[in-house]
Each structure stands twice: as structure tokens, then as C-alpha cells.
């Protein structure tokens, strides 16, 4: 899953869209073995290309996510909604609350 997310970030350079990434995504990437240096390098490149929106979670966001059984996944949806994302890109469409439209990466 972490490699999928990292690859999606890399592919952002090839399209006209911006990507919103939360501090929660960064936490999950590092927890799943993606080196922080590699993430920082990619994020810096996205910033330079004006392709990045960074969203930081707060206590209110976590509290809203905790209303759902799968709160860790729900937090992604809450943060996507917070920054007015058009889509939340994931392969795990079953565990997310209906707060934003979910898309498989190949359907973008």
C-alpha cells in the first residue's frame, strides 16, 4: 500500500492536477517503511512544480474521524474534505465514509 501511494505521488508530475497530502499520509508512509528522506525529496519536487497542497490534521479532524469504525481511513476522508479535494484516490474503497468521491488511480 505504501509503495502504491508513493507511486501515485510520483505520477502527479505527469498530469495537470495538484495533489493534496496530509501529515497523516506522511505518517503512514514512514510507518510502512518509506524512508523519510525519500518522501521529503518527492514532496520538495512537488512543491517546486506547484503540484502540492499540504493538509495538517487537528484535534477536531481526529474527533470527526473517530465517529467511524475505521477511523484511520476516515481521517483521510475528513482531511480530503477539509481541503476541498475533488477525489480521494485509493484502492481500499470499502472502509471510507462517504465524505468525498473515491477513485481508483486508473480511473483518474
PDB file of N, CA and C in Angstrom:
ATOM      1  N   UNK A   1       0.824  -1.194   0.000  1.00  0.00           N
ATOM      2  CA  UNK A   1       0.000   0.000   0.000  1.00  0.00           C
ATOM      3  C   UNK A   1       0.864   1.251   0.000  1.00  0.00           C
ATOM      4  N   UNK A   2       1.925   1.263   0.776  1.00  0.00           N
ATOM      5  CA  UNK A   2       2.790   2.438   0.838  1.00  0.00           C
ATOM      6  C   UNK A   2       3.459   2.685  -0.507  1.00  0.00           C
ATOM      7  N   UNK A   3       3.903   1.615  -1.169  1.00  0.00           N
ATOM      8  CA  UNK A   3       4.530   1.788  -2.483  1.00  0.00           C
ATOM      9  C   UNK A   3       3.535   2.322  -3.498  1.00  0.00           C
ATOM     10  N   UNK A   4       2.287   1.871  -3.416  1.00  0.00           N
ATOM     11  CA  UNK A   4       1.234   2.390  -4.295  1.00  0.00           C
ATOM     12  C   UNK A   4       1.069   3.891  -4.091  1.00  0.00           C
ATOM     13  N   UNK A   5       1.003   4.319  -2.840  1.00  0.00           N
ATOM     14  CA  UNK A   5       0.833   5.742  -2.539  1.00  0.00           C
ATOM     15  C   UNK A   5       2.028   6.542  -3.027  1.00  0.00           C
ATOM     16  N   UNK A   6       3.218   6.012  -2.830  1.00  0.00           N
ATOM     17  CA  UNK A   6       4.416   6.713  -3.285  1.00  0.00           C
ATOM     18  C   UNK A   6       4.419   6.836  -4.804  1.00  0.00           C
ATOM     19  N   UNK A   7       4.037   5.781  -5.493  1.00  0.00           N
ATOM     20  CA  UNK A   7       3.985   5.801  -6.963  1.00  0.00           C
ATOM     21  C   UNK A   7       2.956   6.806  -7.465  1.00  0.00           C
ATOM     22  N   UNK A   8       1.835   6.907  -6.796  1.00  0.00           N
ATOM     23  CA  UNK A   8       0.813   7.885  -7.167  1.00  0.00           C
ATOM     24  C   UNK A   8       1.359   9.305  -7.044  1.00  0.00           C
ATOM     25  N   UNK A   9       2.097   9.562  -5.989  1.00  0.00           N
ATOM     26  CA  UNK A   9       2.713  10.877  -5.824  1.00  0.00           C
ATOM     27  C   UNK A   9       3.663  11.179  -6.985  1.00  0.00           C
ATOM     28  N   UNK A  10       4.466  10.195  -7.342  1.00  0.00           N
ATOM     29  CA  UNK A  10       5.415  10.370  -8.437  1.00  0.00           C
ATOM     30  C   UNK A  10       4.692  10.686  -9.743  1.00  0.00           C
ATOM     31  N   UNK A  11       3.589  10.020  -9.999  1.00  0.00           N
ATOM     32  CA  UNK A  11       2.841  10.212 -11.237  1.00  0.00           C
ATOM     33  C   UNK A  11       2.134  11.564 -11.304  1.00  0.00           C
ATOM     34  N   UNK A  12       1.991  12.221 -10.184  1.00  0.00           N
ATOM     35  CA  UNK A  12       1.353  13.542 -10.164  1.00  0.00           C
ATOM     36  C   UNK A  12       2.086  14.513 -11.075  1.00  0.00           C
ATOM     37  N   UNK A  13       3.379  14.343 -11.203  1.00  0.00           N
ATOM     38  CA  UNK A  13       4.169  15.228 -12.058  1.00  0.00           C
ATOM     39  C   UNK A  13       3.714  15.178 -13.512  1.00  0.00           C
ATOM     40  N   UNK A  14       3.121  14.066 -13.907  1.00  0.00           N
ATOM     41  CA  UNK A  14       2.779  13.865 -15.309  1.00  0.00           C
ATOM     42  C   UNK A  14       1.408  14.416 -15.687  1.00  0.00           C
ATOM     43  N   UNK A  15       0.676  15.009 -14.769  1.00  0.00           N
ATOM     44  CA  UNK A  15      -0.673  15.472 -15.096  1.00  0.00           C
ATOM     45  C   UNK A  15      -0.892  16.917 -14.685  1.00  0.00           C
ATOM     46  N   UNK A  16      -2.067  17.413 -14.978  1.00  0.00           N
ATOM     47  CA  UNK A  16      -2.397  18.814 -14.723  1.00  0.00           C
ATOM     48  C   UNK A  16      -2.929  19.066 -13.323  1.00  0.00           C
ATOM     49  N   UNK A  17      -3.134  18.029 -12.552  1.00  0.00           N
ATOM     50  CA  UNK A  17      -3.749  18.170 -11.247  1.00  0.00           C
ATOM     51  C   UNK A  17      -2.733  18.457 -10.154  1.00  0.00           C
ATOM     52  N   UNK A  18      -3.242  18.967  -9.055  1.00  0.00           N
ATOM     53  CA  UNK A  18      -2.440  19.084  -7.839  1.00  0.00           C
ATOM     54  C   UNK A  18      -2.823  17.928  -6.940  1.00  0.00           C
ATOM     55  N   UNK A  19      -1.936  17.613  -6.048  1.00  0.00           N
ATOM     56  CA  UNK A  19      -2.220  16.552  -5.097  1.00  0.00           C
ATOM     57  C   UNK A  19      -2.247  17.149  -3.697  1.00  0.00           C
ATOM     58  N   UNK A  20      -3.236  16.753  -2.936  1.00  0.00           N
ATOM     59  CA  UNK A  20      -3.312  17.148  -1.532  1.00  0.00           C
ATOM     60  C   UNK A  20      -2.782  15.973  -0.722  1.00  0.00           C
ATOM     61  N   UNK A  21      -1.872  16.273   0.160  1.00  0.00           N
ATOM     62  CA  UNK A  21      -1.313  15.232   1.014  1.00  0.00           C
ATOM     63  C   UNK A  21      -1.376  15.730   2.453  1.00  0.00           C
ATOM     64  N   UNK A  22      -1.740  14.836   3.320  1.00  0.00           N
ATOM     65  CA  UNK A  22      -1.861  15.224   4.732  1.00  0.00           C
ATOM     66  C   UNK A  22      -0.668  14.716   5.524  1.00  0.00           C
ATOM     67  N   UNK A  23      -0.491  15.305   6.674  1.00  0.00           N
ATOM     68  CA  UNK A  23       0.539  14.814   7.578  1.00  0.00           C
ATOM     69  C   UNK A  23       0.220  13.376   8.008  1.00  0.00           C
ATOM     70  N   UNK A  24      -1.046  12.995   7.936  1.00  0.00           N
ATOM     71  CA  UNK A  24      -1.470  11.626   8.257  1.00  0.00           C
ATOM     72  C   UNK A  24      -0.950  10.643   7.206  1.00  0.00           C
ATOM     73  N   UNK A  25      -0.995  11.027   5.926  1.00  0.00           N
ATOM     74  CA  UNK A  25      -0.450  10.185   4.858  1.00  0.00           C
ATOM     75  C   UNK A  25       1.057  10.024   5.056  1.00  0.00           C
ATOM     76  N   UNK A  26       1.733  11.122   5.347  1.00  0.00           N
ATOM     77  CA  UNK A  26       3.181  11.068   5.550  1.00  0.00           C
ATOM     78  C   UNK A  26       3.519  10.144   6.721  1.00  0.00           C
ATOM     79  N   UNK A  27       2.762  10.242   7.794  1.00  0.00           N
ATOM     80  CA  UNK A  27       2.953   9.351   8.941  1.00  0.00           C
ATOM     81  C   UNK A  27       2.807   7.888   8.516  1.00  0.00           C
ATOM     82  N   UNK A  28       1.757   7.582   7.751  1.00  0.00           N
ATOM     83  CA  UNK A  28       1.521   6.196   7.325  1.00  0.00           C
ATOM     84  C   UNK A  28       2.607   5.702   6.375  1.00  0.00           C
ATOM     85  N   UNK A  29       3.089   6.561   5.494  1.00  0.00           N
ATOM     86  CA  UNK A  29       4.167   6.161   4.587  1.00  0.00           C
ATOM     87  C   UNK A  29       5.423   5.781   5.368  1.00  0.00           C
ATOM     88  N   UNK A  30       5.806   6.604   6.330  1.00  0.00           N
ATOM     89  CA  UNK A  30       7.012   6.301   7.110  1.00  0.00           C
ATOM     90  C   UNK A  30       6.809   5.057   7.969  1.00  0.00           C
ATOM     91  N   UNK A  31       5.613   4.913   8.512  1.00  0.00           N
ATOM     92  CA  UNK A  31       5.301   3.732   9.329  1.00  0.00           C
ATOM     93  C   UNK A  31       5.396   2.443   8.500  1.00  0.00           C
ATOM     94  N   UNK A  32       5.140   2.573   7.190  1.00  0.00           N
ATOM     95  CA  UNK A  32       5.167   1.406   6.304  1.00  0.00           C
ATOM     96  C   UNK A  32       6.486   1.260   5.545  1.00  0.00           C
ATOM     97  N   UNK A  33       7.523   1.930   6.020  1.00  0.00           N
ATOM     98  CA  UNK A  33       8.856   1.646   5.510  1.00  0.00           C
ATOM     99  C   UNK A  33       9.401   2.559   4.421  1.00  0.00           C
ATOM    100  N   UNK A  34       8.662   3.584   4.022  1.00  0.00           N
ATOM    101  CA  UNK A  34       9.209   4.516   3.035  1.00  0.00           C
ATOM    102  C   UNK A  34      10.123   5.476   3.801  1.00  0.00           C
ATOM    103  N   UNK A  35      11.385   5.557   3.420  1.00  0.00           N
ATOM    104  CA  UNK A  35      12.308   6.432   4.151  1.00  0.00           C
ATOM    105  C   UNK A  35      11.883   7.899   4.093  1.00  0.00           C
ATOM    106  N   UNK A  36      12.013   8.577   5.233  1.00  0.00           N
ATOM    107  CA  UNK A  36      11.626   9.982   5.321  1.00  0.00           C
ATOM    108  C   UNK A  36      12.344  10.846   4.289  1.00  0.00           C
ATOM    109  N   UNK A  37      13.617  10.530   4.034  1.00  0.00           N
ATOM    110  CA  UNK A  37      14.382  11.308   3.060  1.00  0.00           C
ATOM    111  C   UNK A  37      13.761  11.213   1.667  1.00  0.00           C
ATOM    112  N   UNK A  38      13.296  10.036   1.320  1.00  0.00           N
ATOM    113  CA  UNK A  38      12.681   9.815   0.010  1.00  0.00           C
ATOM    114  C   UNK A  38      11.360  10.596  -0.098  1.00  0.00           C
ATOM    115  N   UNK A  39      10.575  10.582   0.961  1.00  0.00           N
ATOM    116  CA  UNK A  39       9.313  11.329   0.992  1.00  0.00           C
ATOM    117  C   UNK A  39       9.596  12.818   0.891  1.00  0.00           C
ATOM    118  N   UNK A  40      10.542  13.300   1.686  1.00  0.00           N
ATOM    119  CA  UNK A  40      10.890  14.724   1.676  1.00  0.00           C
ATOM    120  C   UNK A  40      11.351  15.171   0.299  1.00  0.00           C
ATOM    121  N   UNK A  41      12.148  14.353  -0.350  1.00  0.00           N
ATOM    122  CA  UNK A  41      12.647  14.678  -1.690  1.00  0.00           C
ATOM    123  C   UNK A  41      11.493  14.799  -2.683  1.00  0.00           C
ATOM    124  N   UNK A  42      10.591  13.857  -2.644  1.00  0.00           N
ATOM    125  CA  UNK A  42       9.450  13.884  -3.555  1.00  0.00           C
ATOM    126  C   UNK A  42       8.546  15.076  -3.261  1.00  0.00           C
ATOM    127  N   UNK A  43       8.273  15.342  -1.992  1.00  0.00           N
ATOM    128  CA  UNK A  43       7.418  16.473  -1.639  1.00  0.00           C
ATOM    129  C   UNK A  43       8.053  17.796  -2.057  1.00  0.00           C
ATOM    130  N   UNK A  44       9.366  17.895  -1.907  1.00  0.00           N
ATOM    131  CA  UNK A  44      10.057  19.117  -2.318  1.00  0.00           C
ATOM    132  C   UNK A  44       9.907  19.325  -3.823  1.00  0.00           C
ATOM    133  N   UNK A  45      10.037  18.261  -4.575  1.00  0.00           N
ATOM    134  CA  UNK A  45       9.864  18.357  -6.024  1.00  0.00           C
ATOM    135  C   UNK A  45       8.430  18.750  -6.382  1.00  0.00           C
ATOM    136  N   UNK A  46       7.454  18.199  -5.669  1.00  0.00           N
ATOM    137  CA  UNK A  46       6.056  18.570  -5.914  1.00  0.00           C
ATOM    138  C   UNK A  46       5.810  20.045  -5.585  1.00  0.00           C
ATOM    139  N   UNK A  47       6.413  20.519  -4.501  1.00  0.00           N
ATOM    140  CA  UNK A  47       6.284  21.935  -4.128  1.00  0.00           C
ATOM    141  C   UNK A  47       6.861  22.825  -5.224  1.00  0.00           C
ATOM    142  N   UNK A  48       8.051  22.498  -5.700  1.00  0.00           N
ATOM    143  CA  UNK A  48       8.717  23.292  -6.735  1.00  0.00           C
ATOM    144  C   UNK A  48       7.891  23.333  -8.016  1.00  0.00           C
ATOM    145  N   UNK A  49       7.191  22.237  -8.298  1.00  0.00           N
ATOM    146  CA  UNK A  49       6.366  22.151  -9.508  1.00  0.00           C
ATOM    147  C   UNK A  49       4.968  22.724  -9.287  1.00  0.00           C
ATOM    148  N   UNK A  50       4.721  23.277  -8.115  1.00  0.00           N
ATOM    149  CA  UNK A  50       3.411  23.816  -7.738  1.00  0.00           C
ATOM    150  C   UNK A  50       2.309  22.772  -7.902  1.00  0.00           C
ATOM    151  N   UNK A  51       2.591  21.557  -7.430  1.00  0.00           N
ATOM    152  CA  UNK A  51       1.656  20.435  -7.538  1.00  0.00           C
ATOM    153  C   UNK A  51       1.171  19.944  -6.182  1.00  0.00           C
ATOM    154  N   UNK A  52       1.489  20.666  -5.110  1.00  0.00           N
ATOM    155  CA  UNK A  52       1.246  20.126  -3.784  1.00  0.00           C
ATOM    156  C   UNK A  52       0.422  21.061  -2.906  1.00  0.00           C
ATOM    157  N   UNK A  53      -0.559  20.454  -2.222  1.00  0.00           N
ATOM    158  CA  UNK A  53      -1.312  21.120  -1.168  1.00  0.00           C
ATOM    159  C   UNK A  53      -1.113  20.256   0.081  1.00  0.00           C
ATOM    160  N   UNK A  54      -0.605  20.858   1.152  1.00  0.00           N
ATOM    161  CA  UNK A  54      -0.371  20.110   2.384  1.00  0.00           C
ATOM    162  C   UNK A  54      -1.494  20.407   3.369  1.00  0.00           C
ATOM    163  N   UNK A  55      -2.061  19.342   3.926  1.00  0.00           N
ATOM    164  CA  UNK A  55      -3.161  19.455   4.874  1.00  0.00           C
ATOM    165  C   UNK A  55      -2.698  18.865   6.204  1.00  0.00           C
ATOM    166  N   UNK A  56      -2.858  19.641   7.260  1.00  0.00           N
ATOM    167  CA  UNK A  56      -2.473  19.148   8.583  1.00  0.00           C
ATOM    168  C   UNK A  56      -3.717  18.842   9.406  1.00  0.00           C
ATOM    169  N   UNK A  57      -3.666  17.715  10.074  1.00  0.00           N
ATOM    170  CA  UNK A  57      -4.803  17.321  10.909  1.00  0.00           C
ATOM    171  C   UNK A  57      -4.768  18.100  12.212  1.00  0.00           C
ATOM    172  N   UNK A  58      -5.946  18.223  12.811  1.00  0.00           N
ATOM    173  CA  UNK A  58      -6.033  18.830  14.139  1.00  0.00           C
ATOM    174  C   UNK A  58      -6.966  17.965  14.983  1.00  0.00           C
ATOM    175  N   UNK A  59      -7.137  18.335  16.228  1.00  0.00           N
ATOM    176  CA  UNK A  59      -7.956  17.536  17.144  1.00  0.00           C
ATOM    177  C   UNK A  59      -9.395  17.404  16.662  1.00  0.00           C
ATOM    178  N   UNK A  60      -9.916  18.460  16.076  1.00  0.00           N
ATOM    179  CA  UNK A  60     -11.289  18.422  15.560  1.00  0.00           C
ATOM    180  C   UNK A  60     -11.427  17.409  14.427  1.00  0.00           C
ATOM    181  N   UNK A  61     -10.430  17.349  13.536  1.00  0.00           N
ATOM    182  CA  UNK A  61     -10.456  16.380  12.447  1.00  0.00           C
ATOM    183  C   UNK A  61     -10.421  14.951  12.977  1.00  0.00           C
ATOM    184  N   UNK A  62      -9.561  14.707  13.943  1.00  0.00           N
ATOM    185  CA  UNK A  62      -9.451  13.367  14.534  1.00  0.00           C
ATOM    186  C   UNK A  62     -10.754  13.001  15.237  1.00  0.00           C
ATOM    187  N   UNK A  63     -11.337  13.946  15.950  1.00  0.00           N
ATOM    188  CA  UNK A  63     -12.606  13.698  16.648  1.00  0.00           C
ATOM    189  C   UNK A  63     -13.703  13.320  15.650  1.00  0.00           C
ATOM    190  N   UNK A  64     -13.760  14.037  14.517  1.00  0.00           N
ATOM    191  CA  UNK A  64     -14.753  13.704  13.491  1.00  0.00           C
ATOM    192  C   UNK A  64     -14.511  12.304  12.930  1.00  0.00           C
ATOM    193  N   UNK A  65     -13.269  11.958  12.675  1.00  0.00           N
ATOM    194  CA  UNK A  65     -12.931  10.640  12.133  1.00  0.00           C
ATOM    195  C   UNK A  65     -13.256   9.524  13.120  1.00  0.00           C
ATOM    196  N   UNK A  66     -13.118   9.796  14.411  1.00  0.00           N
ATOM    197  CA  UNK A  66     -13.358   8.780  15.437  1.00  0.00           C
ATOM    198  C   UNK A  66     -14.828   8.353  15.510  1.00  0.00           C
ATOM    199  N   UNK A  67     -15.700   9.057  14.822  1.00  0.00           N
ATOM    200  CA  UNK A  67     -17.114   8.665  14.776  1.00  0.00           C
ATOM    201  C   UNK A  67     -17.311   7.398  13.940  1.00  0.00           C
ATOM    202  N   UNK A  68     -16.309   7.041  13.150  1.00  0.00           N
ATOM    203  CA  UNK A  68     -16.400   5.909  12.232  1.00  0.00           C
ATOM    204  C   UNK A  68     -15.594   4.733  12.775  1.00  0.00           C
ATOM    205  N   UNK A  69     -16.064   3.524  12.471  1.00  0.00           N
ATOM    206  CA  UNK A  69     -15.387   2.309  12.922  1.00  0.00           C
ATOM    207  C   UNK A  69     -13.951   2.271  12.424  1.00  0.00           C
ATOM    208  N   UNK A  70     -13.765   2.529  11.148  1.00  0.00           N
ATOM    209  CA  UNK A  70     -12.429   2.545  10.545  1.00  0.00           C
ATOM    210  C   UNK A  70     -11.890   3.977  10.594  1.00  0.00           C
ATOM    211  N   UNK A  71     -11.649   4.488  11.791  1.00  0.00           N
ATOM    212  CA  UNK A  71     -11.338   5.910  11.955  1.00  0.00           C
ATOM    213  C   UNK A  71     -10.056   6.344  11.261  1.00  0.00           C
ATOM    214  N   UNK A  72      -9.080   5.440  11.155  1.00  0.00           N
ATOM    215  CA  UNK A  72      -7.821   5.811  10.494  1.00  0.00           C
ATOM    216  C   UNK A  72      -8.050   6.086   9.012  1.00  0.00           C
ATOM    217  N   UNK A  73      -8.890   5.286   8.374  1.00  0.00           N
ATOM    218  CA  UNK A  73      -9.256   5.548   6.977  1.00  0.00           C
ATOM    219  C   UNK A  73     -10.169   6.766   6.896  1.00  0.00           C
ATOM    220  N   UNK A  74     -11.082   6.875   7.831  1.00  0.00           N
ATOM    221  CA  UNK A  74     -11.996   8.021   7.841  1.00  0.00           C
ATOM    222  C   UNK A  74     -11.237   9.337   7.957  1.00  0.00           C
ATOM    223  N   UNK A  75     -10.122   9.326   8.669  1.00  0.00           N
ATOM    224  CA  UNK A  75      -9.339  10.552   8.808  1.00  0.00           C
ATOM    225  C   UNK A  75      -8.836  11.039   7.453  1.00  0.00           C
ATOM    226  N   UNK A  76      -8.487  10.126   6.574  1.00  0.00           N
ATOM    227  CA  UNK A  76      -8.080  10.522   5.219  1.00  0.00           C
ATOM    228  C   UNK A  76      -9.234  11.250   4.518  1.00  0.00           C
ATOM    229  N   UNK A  77     -10.429  10.720   4.642  1.00  0.00           N
ATOM    230  CA  UNK A  77     -11.599  11.340   4.010  1.00  0.00           C
ATOM    231  C   UNK A  77     -11.916  12.700   4.629  1.00  0.00           C
ATOM    232  N   UNK A  78     -11.820  12.794   5.937  1.00  0.00           N
ATOM    233  CA  UNK A  78     -12.065  14.061   6.631  1.00  0.00           C
ATOM    234  C   UNK A  78     -11.071  15.119   6.145  1.00  0.00           C
ATOM    235  N   UNK A  79      -9.815  14.735   6.025  1.00  0.00           N
ATOM    236  CA  UNK A  79      -8.793  15.689   5.586  1.00  0.00           C
ATOM    237  C   UNK A  79      -8.940  16.045   4.110  1.00  0.00           C
ATOM    238  N   UNK A  80      -9.373  15.096   3.298  1.00  0.00           N
ATOM    239  CA  UNK A  80      -9.629  15.396   1.881  1.00  0.00           C
ATOM    240  C   UNK A  80     -10.768  16.400   1.760  1.00  0.00           C
ATOM    241  N   UNK A  81     -11.792  16.201   2.552  1.00  0.00           N
ATOM    242  CA  UNK A  81     -12.918  17.140   2.554  1.00  0.00           C
ATOM    243  C   UNK A  81     -12.468  18.518   3.039  1.00  0.00           C
ATOM    244  N   UNK A  82     -11.620  18.531   4.057  1.00  0.00           N
ATOM    245  CA  UNK A  82     -11.130  19.778   4.644  1.00  0.00           C
ATOM    246  C   UNK A  82     -10.463  20.674   3.602  1.00  0.00           C
ATOM    247  N   UNK A  83      -9.740  20.076   2.666  1.00  0.00           N
ATOM    248  CA  UNK A  83      -9.031  20.884   1.671  1.00  0.00           C
ATOM    249  C   UNK A  83      -9.757  20.921   0.330  1.00  0.00           C
ATOM    250  N   UNK A  84     -11.031  20.533   0.352  1.00  0.00           N
ATOM    251  CA  UNK A  84     -11.880  20.581  -0.855  1.00  0.00           C
ATOM    252  C   UNK A  84     -11.349  19.745  -2.013  1.00  0.00           C
ATOM    253  N   UNK A  85     -10.819  18.576  -1.697  1.00  0.00           N
ATOM    254  CA  UNK A  85     -10.354  17.679  -2.751  1.00  0.00           C
ATOM    255  C   UNK A  85     -11.525  17.199  -3.585  1.00  0.00           C
ATOM    256  N   UNK A  86     -11.288  17.029  -4.853  1.00  0.00           N
ATOM    257  CA  UNK A  86     -12.316  16.513  -5.757  1.00  0.00           C
ATOM    258  C   UNK A  86     -12.452  15.007  -5.551  1.00  0.00           C
ATOM    259  N   UNK A  87     -11.318  14.313  -5.426  1.00  0.00           N
ATOM    260  CA  UNK A  87     -11.318  12.861  -5.252  1.00  0.00           C
ATOM    261  C   UNK A  87     -10.369  12.465  -4.137  1.00  0.00           C
ATOM    262  N   UNK A  88     -10.664  11.328  -3.543  1.00  0.00           N
ATOM    263  CA  UNK A  88      -9.722  10.645  -2.681  1.00  0.00           C
ATOM    264  C   UNK A  88      -9.328   9.402  -3.463  1.00  0.00           C
ATOM    265  N   UNK A  89      -8.066   9.277  -3.785  1.00  0.00           N
ATOM    266  CA  UNK A  89      -7.589   8.173  -4.618  1.00  0.00           C
ATOM    267  C   UNK A  89      -7.145   7.036  -3.717  1.00  0.00           C
ATOM    268  N   UNK A  90      -7.755   5.884  -3.931  1.00  0.00           N
ATOM    269  CA  UNK A  90      -7.473   4.717  -3.082  1.00  0.00           C
ATOM    270  C   UNK A  90      -7.882   3.439  -3.794  1.00  0.00           C
ATOM    271  N   UNK A  91      -7.349   2.353  -3.337  1.00  0.00           N
ATOM    272  CA  UNK A  91      -7.803   1.032  -3.790  1.00  0.00           C
ATOM    273  C   UNK A  91      -8.711   0.411  -2.723  1.00  0.00           C
ATOM    274  N   UNK A  92      -8.753   1.010  -1.558  1.00  0.00           N
ATOM    275  CA  UNK A  92      -9.499   0.490  -0.422  1.00  0.00           C
ATOM    276  C   UNK A  92     -10.821   1.251  -0.289  1.00  0.00           C
ATOM    277  N   UNK A  93     -11.730   1.039  -1.210  1.00  0.00           N
ATOM    278  CA  UNK A  93     -12.972   1.818  -1.234  1.00  0.00           C
ATOM    279  C   UNK A  93     -14.002   1.378  -0.190  1.00  0.00           C
ATOM    280  N   UNK A  94     -13.780   0.271   0.468  1.00  0.00           N
ATOM    281  CA  UNK A  94     -14.782  -0.252   1.401  1.00  0.00           C
ATOM    282  C   UNK A  94     -14.764   0.395   2.782  1.00  0.00           C
ATOM    283  N   UNK A  95     -13.643   0.959   3.190  1.00  0.00           N
ATOM    284  CA  UNK A  95     -13.509   1.432   4.569  1.00  0.00           C
ATOM    285  C   UNK A  95     -13.636   2.945   4.736  1.00  0.00           C
ATOM    286  N   UNK A  96     -13.950   3.663   3.659  1.00  0.00           N
ATOM    287  CA  UNK A  96     -14.012   5.116   3.743  1.00  0.00           C
ATOM    288  C   UNK A  96     -15.448   5.612   3.846  1.00  0.00           C
ATOM    289  N   UNK A  97     -15.674   6.593   4.716  1.00  0.00           N
ATOM    290  CA  UNK A  97     -17.020   7.193   4.785  1.00  0.00           C
ATOM    291  C   UNK A  97     -17.288   8.010   3.526  1.00  0.00           C
ATOM    292  N   UNK A  98     -18.530   8.230   3.244  1.00  0.00           N
ATOM    293  CA  UNK A  98     -18.954   8.932   2.036  1.00  0.00           C
ATOM    294  C   UNK A  98     -18.843  10.449   2.224  1.00  0.00           C
ATOM    295  N   UNK A  99     -17.611  10.941   2.382  1.00  0.00           N
ATOM    296  CA  UNK A  99     -17.377  12.367   2.568  1.00  0.00           C
ATOM    297  C   UNK A  99     -16.849  13.030   1.298  1.00  0.00           C
ATOM    298  N   UNK A 100     -16.110  12.267   0.500  1.00  0.00           N
ATOM    299  CA  UNK A 100     -15.599  12.726  -0.791  1.00  0.00           C
ATOM    300  C   UNK A 100     -15.713  11.561  -1.772  1.00  0.00           C
ATOM    301  N   UNK A 101     -15.668  11.872  -3.046  1.00  0.00           N
ATOM    302  CA  UNK A 101     -15.757  10.822  -4.063  1.00  0.00           C
ATOM    303  C   UNK A 101     -14.462  10.021  -4.097  1.00  0.00           C
ATOM    304  N   UNK A 102     -14.593   8.700  -4.087  1.00  0.00           N
ATOM    305  CA  UNK A 102     -13.428   7.818  -4.142  1.00  0.00           C
ATOM    306  C   UNK A 102     -13.160   7.423  -5.576  1.00  0.00           C
ATOM    307  N   UNK A 103     -11.878   7.330  -5.921  1.00  0.00           N
ATOM    308  CA  UNK A 103     -11.458   6.937  -7.276  1.00  0.00           C
ATOM    309  C   UNK A 103     -10.307   5.959  -7.198  1.00  0.00           C
ATOM    310  N   UNK A 104     -10.361   4.956  -8.050  1.00  0.00           N
ATOM    311  CA  UNK A 104      -9.184   4.128  -8.262  1.00  0.00           C
ATOM    312  C   UNK A 104      -8.202   4.945  -9.082  1.00  0.00           C
ATOM    313  N   UNK A 105      -6.907   4.774  -8.898  1.00  0.00           N
ATOM    314  CA  UNK A 105      -5.931   5.591  -9.619  1.00  0.00           C
ATOM    315  C   UNK A 105      -6.062   5.474 -11.138  1.00  0.00           C
ATOM    316  N   UNK A 106      -6.393   4.287 -11.617  1.00  0.00           N
ATOM    317  CA  UNK A 106      -6.515   4.116 -13.077  1.00  0.00           C
ATOM    318  C   UNK A 106      -7.743   4.802 -13.642  1.00  0.00           C
ATOM    319  N   UNK A 107      -8.642   5.279 -12.798  1.00  0.00           N
ATOM    320  CA  UNK A 107      -9.853   5.971 -13.258  1.00  0.00           C
ATOM    321  C   UNK A 107      -9.723   7.490 -13.216  1.00  0.00           C
ATOM    322  N   UNK A 108      -8.552   7.993 -12.933  1.00  0.00           N
ATOM    323  CA  UNK A 108      -8.342   9.441 -12.927  1.00  0.00           C
ATOM    324  C   UNK A 108      -8.237   9.972 -14.337  1.00  0.00           C
TER     325      UNK A 108
END
